[in-house]
């Protein structure tokens, strides 16, 4: 499973951030990794540096299950770490649901 991390201009991208985000996503999806070819992570700051709010960090995750349409989820929170955790949990539930339905067929 390939994990690609993208950031907007409001978030400082670094190898440490990529490793941290990758570890969270891998941890959440480890048991599903044989079904997923790639996960794209898009991190953005909704309010940029001009102002801050309670939920101004956004994490959008796009998973590509082999042979199926992409599954996309997003989560907004006050920090990048919380946004990634929330989005990873949502993606895990969405993929488990999708793959569970497919297995029942």
Protein backbone atom coordinates (compact mmCIF):
# COMPACT_ATOMS: atom_id res chain seq x y z
CA UNK A 1 0.00 0.00 0.00
CA UNK A 2 1.49 3.29 -1.13
CA UNK A 3 0.76 6.38 0.99
CA UNK A 4 1.20 9.79 -0.64
CA UNK A 5 1.00 12.91 1.54
CA UNK A 6 0.11 16.32 0.05
CA UNK A 7 -0.06 19.62 1.92
CA UNK A 8 -1.36 23.04 0.99
CA UNK A 9 0.57 26.30 1.50
CA UNK A 10 -0.81 26.68 5.05
CA UNK A 11 0.85 23.50 6.34
CA UNK A 12 4.60 22.99 6.47
CA UNK A 13 5.35 19.64 4.80
CA UNK A 14 8.32 17.61 6.07
CA UNK A 15 9.62 14.07 6.17
CA UNK A 16 8.64 13.84 9.83
CA UNK A 17 5.06 14.83 9.01
CA UNK A 18 4.94 12.29 6.17
CA UNK A 19 6.24 9.54 8.47
CA UNK A 20 3.79 10.44 11.24
CA UNK A 21 0.79 10.58 8.90
CA UNK A 22 1.90 7.39 7.16
CA UNK A 23 2.16 5.56 10.48
CA UNK A 24 -1.37 6.60 11.50
CA UNK A 25 -2.86 5.57 8.15
CA UNK A 26 -0.93 2.27 8.05
CA UNK A 27 -1.99 1.50 11.62
CA UNK A 28 -5.66 2.11 10.86
CA UNK A 29 -5.68 0.18 7.58
CA UNK A 30 -3.08 -2.53 8.22
CA UNK A 31 -5.63 -5.35 8.26
CA UNK A 32 -7.06 -4.11 4.93
CA UNK A 33 -3.75 -3.36 3.19
CA UNK A 34 -3.94 -6.32 0.79
CA UNK A 35 -7.12 -4.79 -0.68
CA UNK A 36 -5.75 -1.23 -1.07
CA UNK A 37 -3.26 -0.14 -3.72
CA UNK A 38 -2.79 3.49 -2.66
CA UNK A 39 -3.93 6.09 -0.15
CA UNK A 40 -3.61 9.79 -0.91
CA UNK A 41 -3.58 12.19 2.04
CA UNK A 42 -4.45 15.85 1.50
CA UNK A 43 -3.80 18.16 4.46
CA UNK A 44 -5.05 21.73 4.41
CA UNK A 45 -5.54 24.69 6.70
CA UNK A 46 -9.05 26.02 6.04
CA UNK A 47 -8.40 29.43 7.59
CA UNK A 48 -4.67 29.76 6.77
CA UNK A 49 -2.53 32.02 8.95
CA UNK A 50 -5.02 34.91 8.83
CA UNK A 51 -7.30 33.48 11.49
CA UNK A 52 -7.79 30.31 13.45
CA UNK A 53 -10.86 28.42 14.52
CA UNK A 54 -11.87 25.32 16.40
CA UNK A 55 -11.85 23.12 13.28
CA UNK A 56 -9.54 24.74 10.79
CA UNK A 57 -7.28 21.76 9.92
CA UNK A 58 -8.67 19.38 7.32
CA UNK A 59 -7.51 15.91 6.32
CA UNK A 60 -8.95 14.34 3.20
CA UNK A 61 -8.10 10.67 2.57
CA UNK A 62 -8.64 8.95 -0.75
CA UNK A 63 -8.15 5.17 -0.74
CA UNK A 64 -7.94 3.14 -3.93
CA UNK A 65 -9.26 -0.37 -3.32
CA UNK A 66 -8.02 -2.77 -6.01
CA UNK A 67 -10.63 -3.07 -8.76
CA UNK A 68 -13.08 -0.58 -7.21
CA UNK A 69 -13.90 3.12 -7.21
CA UNK A 70 -11.91 5.31 -4.78
CA UNK A 71 -13.27 5.82 -1.27
CA UNK A 72 -12.96 9.40 -0.01
CA UNK A 73 -13.46 10.73 3.53
CA UNK A 74 -12.49 13.93 5.32
CA UNK A 75 -12.29 15.18 8.86
CA UNK A 76 -11.79 18.65 10.31
CA UNK A 77 -10.20 19.31 13.70
CA UNK A 78 -8.14 21.86 15.59
CA UNK A 79 -4.81 20.14 14.83
CA UNK A 80 -3.32 18.15 11.97
CA UNK A 81 -2.87 15.08 14.19
CA UNK A 82 -6.53 15.10 15.27
CA UNK A 83 -7.69 15.61 11.68
CA UNK A 84 -5.58 12.67 10.46
CA UNK A 85 -6.76 10.42 13.30
CA UNK A 86 -10.41 11.25 12.64
CA UNK A 87 -10.12 10.78 8.88
CA UNK A 88 -8.21 7.49 9.28
CA UNK A 89 -10.96 6.16 11.55
CA UNK A 90 -13.66 7.20 9.06
CA UNK A 91 -11.74 5.60 6.19
CA UNK A 92 -11.26 2.38 8.13
CA UNK A 93 -15.02 2.11 8.80
CA UNK A 94 -15.91 2.98 5.19
CA UNK A 95 -13.54 0.39 3.74
CA UNK A 96 -14.63 -2.30 6.21
CA UNK A 97 -18.21 -1.63 5.21
CA UNK A 98 -17.43 -1.74 1.47
CA UNK A 99 -15.32 -4.87 1.68
CA UNK A 100 -17.82 -6.55 3.99
CA UNK A 101 -20.63 -5.96 1.50
CA UNK A 102 -18.48 -7.28 -1.34
CA UNK A 103 -17.59 -10.41 0.65
CA UNK A 104 -21.30 -11.16 1.23
CA UNK A 105 -22.00 -11.31 -2.51
